[in-house]
């Protein structure tokens, strides 16, 4: 009987995409050291970066599972992608083997006022129907529909899992409080939390080195 090897995939965050610098870094590192093919998922769909939606993100993960002919998933999720990965595992526990979450964006629906800079900004978004955001990687402006806010307010904001999961969170993260990851790990039976001296982006050299170490340990990789 042929052993079914797991499918590895990376889920990006809000205002990002499959060619994000962090996703590419992890992809290249796993390819160079372990000859692993990490699929870089597109959670945005045809609408591009401004088109991210919860159901679309979950569908992208499901399509990856189907493309792997039912082999178990080993998932890495960053920010909103971290929430999507965790929620998919909660919905379909038998399809996911283990996960590495990077500053997962739990409780997004209740944090929009903080994200946009106040109640007036949030009200203006609601009134106008769209809000312009700057994409960090490129500097381009994209319009995000108020519909995204409404959808995030109805999410299961912090999934509970029995899977092996490692969470790396920046102690200086001002976007998603590290306490959310602490609460998540406290309610999950096989969760490990690693706090690093970094912000939400997790792009410091020391952080990327730690990320590689944690991935090797979590996924039982051997050089």
C-alpha atoms as a PDB file:
ATOM      1  CA  UNK A   1       0.000   0.000   0.000  1.00  0.00           C
ATOM      2  CA  UNK A   2       1.415   3.375  -1.009  1.00  0.00           C
ATOM      3  CA  UNK A   3       1.939   5.857   1.823  1.00  0.00           C
ATOM      4  CA  UNK A   4      -0.101   9.023   1.412  1.00  0.00           C
ATOM      5  CA  UNK A   5       2.175  12.008   1.860  1.00  0.00           C
ATOM      6  CA  UNK A   6       0.623  15.154   3.325  1.00  0.00           C
ATOM      7  CA  UNK A   7      -0.159  18.198   1.222  1.00  0.00           C
ATOM      8  CA  UNK A   8       1.546  21.392   2.408  1.00  0.00           C
ATOM      9  CA  UNK A   9      -0.110  24.758   1.818  1.00  0.00           C
ATOM     10  CA  UNK A  10       0.242  28.398   2.884  1.00  0.00           C
ATOM     11  CA  UNK A  11      -2.710  30.753   3.384  1.00  0.00           C
ATOM     12  CA  UNK A  12      -1.966  34.489   3.192  1.00  0.00           C
ATOM     13  CA  UNK A  13      -3.576  37.332   5.113  1.00  0.00           C
ATOM     14  CA  UNK A  14      -5.727  40.411   4.459  1.00  0.00           C
ATOM     15  CA  UNK A  15      -4.292  42.833   1.858  1.00  0.00           C
ATOM     16  CA  UNK A  16      -1.920  40.112   0.715  1.00  0.00           C
ATOM     17  CA  UNK A  17      -1.798  37.324  -1.837  1.00  0.00           C
ATOM     18  CA  UNK A  18      -0.090  34.111  -2.938  1.00  0.00           C
ATOM     19  CA  UNK A  19       3.115  35.988  -3.839  1.00  0.00           C
ATOM     20  CA  UNK A  20       3.573  37.540  -0.391  1.00  0.00           C
ATOM     21  CA  UNK A  21       7.175  37.815   0.762  1.00  0.00           C
ATOM     22  CA  UNK A  22       6.596  35.623   3.811  1.00  0.00           C
ATOM     23  CA  UNK A  23       4.857  32.922   1.822  1.00  0.00           C
ATOM     24  CA  UNK A  24       7.612  32.918  -0.776  1.00  0.00           C
ATOM     25  CA  UNK A  25      10.274  32.773   1.948  1.00  0.00           C
ATOM     26  CA  UNK A  26       8.688  29.701   3.526  1.00  0.00           C
ATOM     27  CA  UNK A  27       8.101  28.103   0.123  1.00  0.00           C
ATOM     28  CA  UNK A  28      11.740  28.532  -0.906  1.00  0.00           C
ATOM     29  CA  UNK A  29      13.086  27.408   2.459  1.00  0.00           C
ATOM     30  CA  UNK A  30      11.080  24.176   2.469  1.00  0.00           C
ATOM     31  CA  UNK A  31      11.899  23.504  -1.178  1.00  0.00           C
ATOM     32  CA  UNK A  32      15.630  24.075  -0.744  1.00  0.00           C
ATOM     33  CA  UNK A  33      16.074  22.124   2.466  1.00  0.00           C
ATOM     34  CA  UNK A  34      13.467  19.374   2.246  1.00  0.00           C
ATOM     35  CA  UNK A  35      12.343  19.331  -1.428  1.00  0.00           C
ATOM     36  CA  UNK A  36       8.809  20.041  -0.229  1.00  0.00           C
ATOM     37  CA  UNK A  37       6.304  21.702  -2.521  1.00  0.00           C
ATOM     38  CA  UNK A  38       4.389  24.259  -0.462  1.00  0.00           C
ATOM     39  CA  UNK A  39       1.276  25.372  -2.329  1.00  0.00           C
ATOM     40  CA  UNK A  40       0.730  29.134  -2.067  1.00  0.00           C
ATOM     41  CA  UNK A  41      -3.036  29.499  -1.927  1.00  0.00           C
ATOM     42  CA  UNK A  42      -4.966  32.430  -3.373  1.00  0.00           C
ATOM     43  CA  UNK A  43      -7.691  33.298  -0.880  1.00  0.00           C
ATOM     44  CA  UNK A  44      -8.752  36.430  -2.781  1.00  0.00           C
ATOM     45  CA  UNK A  45     -10.307  34.884  -5.863  1.00  0.00           C
ATOM     46  CA  UNK A  46     -10.877  36.624  -9.214  1.00  0.00           C
ATOM     47  CA  UNK A  47     -11.511  40.019  -7.584  1.00  0.00           C
ATOM     48  CA  UNK A  48      -7.896  40.257  -6.448  1.00  0.00           C
ATOM     49  CA  UNK A  49      -6.546  41.532  -3.141  1.00  0.00           C
ATOM     50  CA  UNK A  50      -9.664  43.532  -2.299  1.00  0.00           C
ATOM     51  CA  UNK A  51     -11.857  40.477  -2.813  1.00  0.00           C
ATOM     52  CA  UNK A  52     -10.929  38.446   0.271  1.00  0.00           C
ATOM     53  CA  UNK A  53     -13.984  36.879   1.923  1.00  0.00           C
ATOM     54  CA  UNK A  54     -14.279  34.208   4.631  1.00  0.00           C
ATOM     55  CA  UNK A  55     -16.126  31.677   2.474  1.00  0.00           C
ATOM     56  CA  UNK A  56     -13.771  32.265  -0.431  1.00  0.00           C
ATOM     57  CA  UNK A  57     -10.805  31.593   1.839  1.00  0.00           C
ATOM     58  CA  UNK A  58     -12.308  28.353   3.125  1.00  0.00           C
ATOM     59  CA  UNK A  59     -13.122  27.303  -0.438  1.00  0.00           C
ATOM     60  CA  UNK A  60      -9.505  27.824  -1.504  1.00  0.00           C
ATOM     61  CA  UNK A  61      -8.327  25.488   1.260  1.00  0.00           C
ATOM     62  CA  UNK A  62     -10.998  22.955   0.315  1.00  0.00           C
ATOM     63  CA  UNK A  63      -9.890  23.061  -3.324  1.00  0.00           C
ATOM     64  CA  UNK A  64      -6.331  22.361  -2.191  1.00  0.00           C
ATOM     65  CA  UNK A  65      -7.551  19.343  -0.245  1.00  0.00           C
ATOM     66  CA  UNK A  66      -9.476  18.049  -3.255  1.00  0.00           C
ATOM     67  CA  UNK A  67      -6.484  18.556  -5.549  1.00  0.00           C
ATOM     68  CA  UNK A  68      -4.416  16.410  -3.206  1.00  0.00           C
ATOM     69  CA  UNK A  69      -6.807  13.479  -3.702  1.00  0.00           C
ATOM     70  CA  UNK A  70      -7.765  13.450  -0.060  1.00  0.00           C
ATOM     71  CA  UNK A  71      -4.283  13.428   1.444  1.00  0.00           C
ATOM     72  CA  UNK A  72      -4.074  15.138   4.857  1.00  0.00           C
ATOM     73  CA  UNK A  73      -3.245  18.836   4.911  1.00  0.00           C
ATOM     74  CA  UNK A  74      -0.384  20.444   6.764  1.00  0.00           C
ATOM     75  CA  UNK A  75      -1.226  24.101   6.741  1.00  0.00           C
ATOM     76  CA  UNK A  76       0.539  27.386   7.443  1.00  0.00           C
ATOM     77  CA  UNK A  77      -1.676  30.424   7.858  1.00  0.00           C
ATOM     78  CA  UNK A  78      -0.730  34.070   8.325  1.00  0.00           C
ATOM     79  CA  UNK A  79      -3.078  36.606   9.965  1.00  0.00           C
ATOM     80  CA  UNK A  80      -6.507  36.157   8.312  1.00  0.00           C
ATOM     81  CA  UNK A  81      -5.102  33.043   6.650  1.00  0.00           C
ATOM     82  CA  UNK A  82      -4.366  31.755  10.152  1.00  0.00           C
ATOM     83  CA  UNK A  83      -8.010  32.154  11.113  1.00  0.00           C
ATOM     84  CA  UNK A  84      -9.095  30.469   7.861  1.00  0.00           C
ATOM     85  CA  UNK A  85      -6.773  27.507   8.408  1.00  0.00           C
ATOM     86  CA  UNK A  86      -7.974  27.043  11.992  1.00  0.00           C
ATOM     87  CA  UNK A  87     -11.633  27.349  11.038  1.00  0.00           C
ATOM     88  CA  UNK A  88     -11.249  24.868   8.175  1.00  0.00           C
ATOM     89  CA  UNK A  89      -9.666  22.380  10.583  1.00  0.00           C
ATOM     90  CA  UNK A  90     -12.546  22.875  13.008  1.00  0.00           C
ATOM     91  CA  UNK A  91     -15.086  22.258  10.234  1.00  0.00           C
ATOM     92  CA  UNK A  92     -13.235  19.287   8.692  1.00  0.00           C
ATOM     93  CA  UNK A  93     -10.974  17.830  11.408  1.00  0.00           C
ATOM     94  CA  UNK A  94     -10.175  14.660   9.461  1.00  0.00           C
ATOM     95  CA  UNK A  95      -8.791  16.614   6.500  1.00  0.00           C
ATOM     96  CA  UNK A  96      -6.117  18.499   8.446  1.00  0.00           C
ATOM     97  CA  UNK A  97      -3.098  16.920  10.101  1.00  0.00           C
ATOM     98  CA  UNK A  98      -1.430  19.903  11.796  1.00  0.00           C
ATOM     99  CA  UNK A  99      -1.034  23.674  11.489  1.00  0.00           C
ATOM    100  CA  UNK A 100       1.426  26.514  11.935  1.00  0.00           C
ATOM    101  CA  UNK A 101      -0.382  29.805  12.619  1.00  0.00           C
ATOM    102  CA  UNK A 102       1.388  33.163  12.312  1.00  0.00           C
ATOM    103  CA  UNK A 103      -0.274  35.999  14.256  1.00  0.00           C
ATOM    104  CA  UNK A 104      -3.696  34.486  13.497  1.00  0.00           C
ATOM    105  CA  UNK A 105      -6.390  37.124  13.074  1.00  0.00           C
ATOM    106  CA  UNK A 106      -8.900  35.936  15.640  1.00  0.00           C
ATOM    107  CA  UNK A 107     -11.897  38.140  16.562  1.00  0.00           C
ATOM    108  CA  UNK A 108     -11.515  40.228  13.423  1.00  0.00           C
ATOM    109  CA  UNK A 109     -15.157  41.278  13.376  1.00  0.00           C
ATOM    110  CA  UNK A 110     -14.819  43.167  16.661  1.00  0.00           C
ATOM    111  CA  UNK A 111     -11.538  44.909  15.776  1.00  0.00           C
ATOM    112  CA  UNK A 112     -12.386  46.991  12.708  1.00  0.00           C
ATOM    113  CA  UNK A 113     -12.689  50.277  14.586  1.00  0.00           C
ATOM    114  CA  UNK A 114      -9.145  49.821  15.869  1.00  0.00           C
ATOM    115  CA  UNK A 115      -7.870  48.718  12.456  1.00  0.00           C
ATOM    116  CA  UNK A 116      -9.217  51.724  10.537  1.00  0.00           C
ATOM    117  CA  UNK A 117      -8.416  54.289  13.217  1.00  0.00           C
ATOM    118  CA  UNK A 118     -11.669  55.103  14.967  1.00  0.00           C
ATOM    119  CA  UNK A 119     -15.446  55.092  14.886  1.00  0.00           C
ATOM    120  CA  UNK A 120     -15.704  57.958  12.375  1.00  0.00           C
ATOM    121  CA  UNK A 121     -13.532  56.115   9.861  1.00  0.00           C
ATOM    122  CA  UNK A 122     -15.606  52.981  10.329  1.00  0.00           C
ATOM    123  CA  UNK A 123     -18.860  54.918   9.898  1.00  0.00           C
ATOM    124  CA  UNK A 124     -17.544  56.518   6.707  1.00  0.00           C
ATOM    125  CA  UNK A 125     -16.716  53.080   5.333  1.00  0.00           C
ATOM    126  CA  UNK A 126     -20.223  51.889   6.148  1.00  0.00           C
ATOM    127  CA  UNK A 127     -21.818  54.934   4.539  1.00  0.00           C
ATOM    128  CA  UNK A 128     -19.706  54.797   1.391  1.00  0.00           C
ATOM    129  CA  UNK A 129     -19.851  51.048   0.915  1.00  0.00           C
ATOM    130  CA  UNK A 130     -16.130  50.810   0.135  1.00  0.00           C
ATOM    131  CA  UNK A 131     -12.870  51.878   1.752  1.00  0.00           C
ATOM    132  CA  UNK A 132      -9.449  52.287   0.179  1.00  0.00           C
ATOM    133  CA  UNK A 133      -6.587  50.359   1.768  1.00  0.00           C
ATOM    134  CA  UNK A 134      -2.902  50.455   0.917  1.00  0.00           C
ATOM    135  CA  UNK A 135      -1.361  47.088   0.062  1.00  0.00           C
ATOM    136  CA  UNK A 136       1.809  46.886   2.206  1.00  0.00           C
ATOM    137  CA  UNK A 137       3.848  44.942  -0.347  1.00  0.00           C
ATOM    138  CA  UNK A 138       3.209  47.174  -3.358  1.00  0.00           C
ATOM    139  CA  UNK A 139       1.845  50.475  -2.080  1.00  0.00           C
ATOM    140  CA  UNK A 140      -1.141  50.231  -4.434  1.00  0.00           C
ATOM    141  CA  UNK A 141      -4.629  51.237  -3.335  1.00  0.00           C
ATOM    142  CA  UNK A 142      -7.424  48.672  -3.334  1.00  0.00           C
ATOM    143  CA  UNK A 143     -11.105  49.126  -2.529  1.00  0.00           C
ATOM    144  CA  UNK A 144     -12.577  46.784   0.078  1.00  0.00           C
ATOM    145  CA  UNK A 145     -16.347  46.419   0.368  1.00  0.00           C
ATOM    146  CA  UNK A 146     -18.201  46.977   3.640  1.00  0.00           C
ATOM    147  CA  UNK A 147     -19.635  43.524   3.015  1.00  0.00           C
ATOM    148  CA  UNK A 148     -16.336  42.083   4.240  1.00  0.00           C
ATOM    149  CA  UNK A 149     -16.839  43.754   7.633  1.00  0.00           C
ATOM    150  CA  UNK A 150     -20.365  42.390   7.914  1.00  0.00           C
ATOM    151  CA  UNK A 151     -19.213  38.880   7.069  1.00  0.00           C
ATOM    152  CA  UNK A 152     -16.395  38.911   9.621  1.00  0.00           C
ATOM    153  CA  UNK A 153     -18.847  39.942  12.330  1.00  0.00           C
ATOM    154  CA  UNK A 154     -20.667  36.628  11.933  1.00  0.00           C
ATOM    155  CA  UNK A 155     -17.649  34.341  12.051  1.00  0.00           C
ATOM    156  CA  UNK A 156     -16.662  31.768  14.615  1.00  0.00           C
ATOM    157  CA  UNK A 157     -13.943  34.103  15.783  1.00  0.00           C
ATOM    158  CA  UNK A 158     -11.743  31.661  17.722  1.00  0.00           C
ATOM    159  CA  UNK A 159     -11.968  27.993  16.683  1.00  0.00           C
ATOM    160  CA  UNK A 160     -11.292  25.184  19.143  1.00  0.00           C
ATOM    161  CA  UNK A 161      -9.028  22.417  17.850  1.00  0.00           C
ATOM    162  CA  UNK A 162      -7.674  19.046  18.943  1.00  0.00           C
ATOM    163  CA  UNK A 163      -4.959  19.039  16.249  1.00  0.00           C
ATOM    164  CA  UNK A 164      -1.261  19.647  16.727  1.00  0.00           C
ATOM    165  CA  UNK A 165      -0.833  23.360  16.210  1.00  0.00           C
ATOM    166  CA  UNK A 166       1.988  25.820  16.794  1.00  0.00           C
ATOM    167  CA  UNK A 167       1.234  29.533  17.009  1.00  0.00           C
ATOM    168  CA  UNK A 168       3.950  32.131  16.484  1.00  0.00           C
ATOM    169  CA  UNK A 169       2.889  35.604  17.587  1.00  0.00           C
ATOM    170  CA  UNK A 170       4.763  38.876  17.795  1.00  0.00           C
ATOM    171  CA  UNK A 171       4.879  40.292  21.307  1.00  0.00           C
ATOM    172  CA  UNK A 172       4.792  43.775  19.729  1.00  0.00           C
ATOM    173  CA  UNK A 173       1.827  43.036  17.445  1.00  0.00           C
ATOM    174  CA  UNK A 174      -0.490  46.078  17.443  1.00  0.00           C
ATOM    175  CA  UNK A 175      -2.909  44.584  14.909  1.00  0.00           C
ATOM    176  CA  UNK A 176      -3.903  41.349  16.654  1.00  0.00           C
ATOM    177  CA  UNK A 177      -3.322  41.259  20.436  1.00  0.00           C
ATOM    178  CA  UNK A 178      -0.978  38.411  21.466  1.00  0.00           C
ATOM    179  CA  UNK A 179      -3.471  37.639  24.236  1.00  0.00           C
ATOM    180  CA  UNK A 180      -5.835  36.245  21.592  1.00  0.00           C
ATOM    181  CA  UNK A 181      -3.294  33.580  20.661  1.00  0.00           C
ATOM    182  CA  UNK A 182      -2.729  32.868  24.347  1.00  0.00           C
ATOM    183  CA  UNK A 183      -6.464  32.293  24.800  1.00  0.00           C
ATOM    184  CA  UNK A 184      -6.621  30.130  21.680  1.00  0.00           C
ATOM    185  CA  UNK A 185      -3.756  27.920  22.833  1.00  0.00           C
ATOM    186  CA  UNK A 186      -5.284  27.601  26.305  1.00  0.00           C
ATOM    187  CA  UNK A 187      -8.474  26.113  24.834  1.00  0.00           C
ATOM    188  CA  UNK A 188      -6.745  23.749  22.371  1.00  0.00           C
ATOM    189  CA  UNK A 189      -5.395  20.468  23.697  1.00  0.00           C
ATOM    190  CA  UNK A 190      -2.255  20.214  21.529  1.00  0.00           C
ATOM    191  CA  UNK A 191      -1.364  23.864  20.958  1.00  0.00           C
ATOM    192  CA  UNK A 192       2.046  25.438  21.469  1.00  0.00           C
ATOM    193  CA  UNK A 193       2.533  29.209  21.659  1.00  0.00           C
ATOM    194  CA  UNK A 194       5.815  30.866  20.686  1.00  0.00           C
ATOM    195  CA  UNK A 195       6.053  34.604  21.421  1.00  0.00           C
ATOM    196  CA  UNK A 196       8.767  36.441  19.508  1.00  0.00           C
ATOM    197  CA  UNK A 197      10.089  40.001  19.688  1.00  0.00           C
ATOM    198  CA  UNK A 198       8.444  41.210  16.511  1.00  0.00           C
ATOM    199  CA  UNK A 199       5.317  42.935  15.211  1.00  0.00           C
ATOM    200  CA  UNK A 200       2.406  41.610  13.153  1.00  0.00           C
ATOM    201  CA  UNK A 201       4.470  41.206   9.983  1.00  0.00           C
ATOM    202  CA  UNK A 202       6.847  38.637  11.538  1.00  0.00           C
ATOM    203  CA  UNK A 203       9.607  39.506   9.082  1.00  0.00           C
ATOM    204  CA  UNK A 204      12.563  40.105  11.398  1.00  0.00           C
ATOM    205  CA  UNK A 205      15.532  37.866  10.584  1.00  0.00           C
ATOM    206  CA  UNK A 206      15.412  36.234  14.017  1.00  0.00           C
ATOM    207  CA  UNK A 207      11.694  35.562  13.618  1.00  0.00           C
ATOM    208  CA  UNK A 208      12.117  33.886  10.239  1.00  0.00           C
ATOM    209  CA  UNK A 209      14.838  31.686  11.716  1.00  0.00           C
ATOM    210  CA  UNK A 210      12.529  30.742  14.600  1.00  0.00           C
ATOM    211  CA  UNK A 211       9.729  30.084  12.143  1.00  0.00           C
ATOM    212  CA  UNK A 212      11.921  27.603  10.287  1.00  0.00           C
ATOM    213  CA  UNK A 213      12.835  25.848  13.541  1.00  0.00           C
ATOM    214  CA  UNK A 214       9.199  25.544  14.592  1.00  0.00           C
ATOM    215  CA  UNK A 215       8.127  24.273  11.165  1.00  0.00           C
ATOM    216  CA  UNK A 216      10.757  21.528  11.226  1.00  0.00           C
ATOM    217  CA  UNK A 217       9.645  20.442  14.695  1.00  0.00           C
ATOM    218  CA  UNK A 218       5.899  20.612  14.041  1.00  0.00           C
ATOM    219  CA  UNK A 219       5.999  18.848  10.677  1.00  0.00           C
ATOM    220  CA  UNK A 220       8.591  16.262  11.773  1.00  0.00           C
ATOM    221  CA  UNK A 221      10.917  17.193   8.930  1.00  0.00           C
ATOM    222  CA  UNK A 222      14.408  15.786   8.591  1.00  0.00           C
ATOM    223  CA  UNK A 223      17.279  17.299   6.591  1.00  0.00           C
END
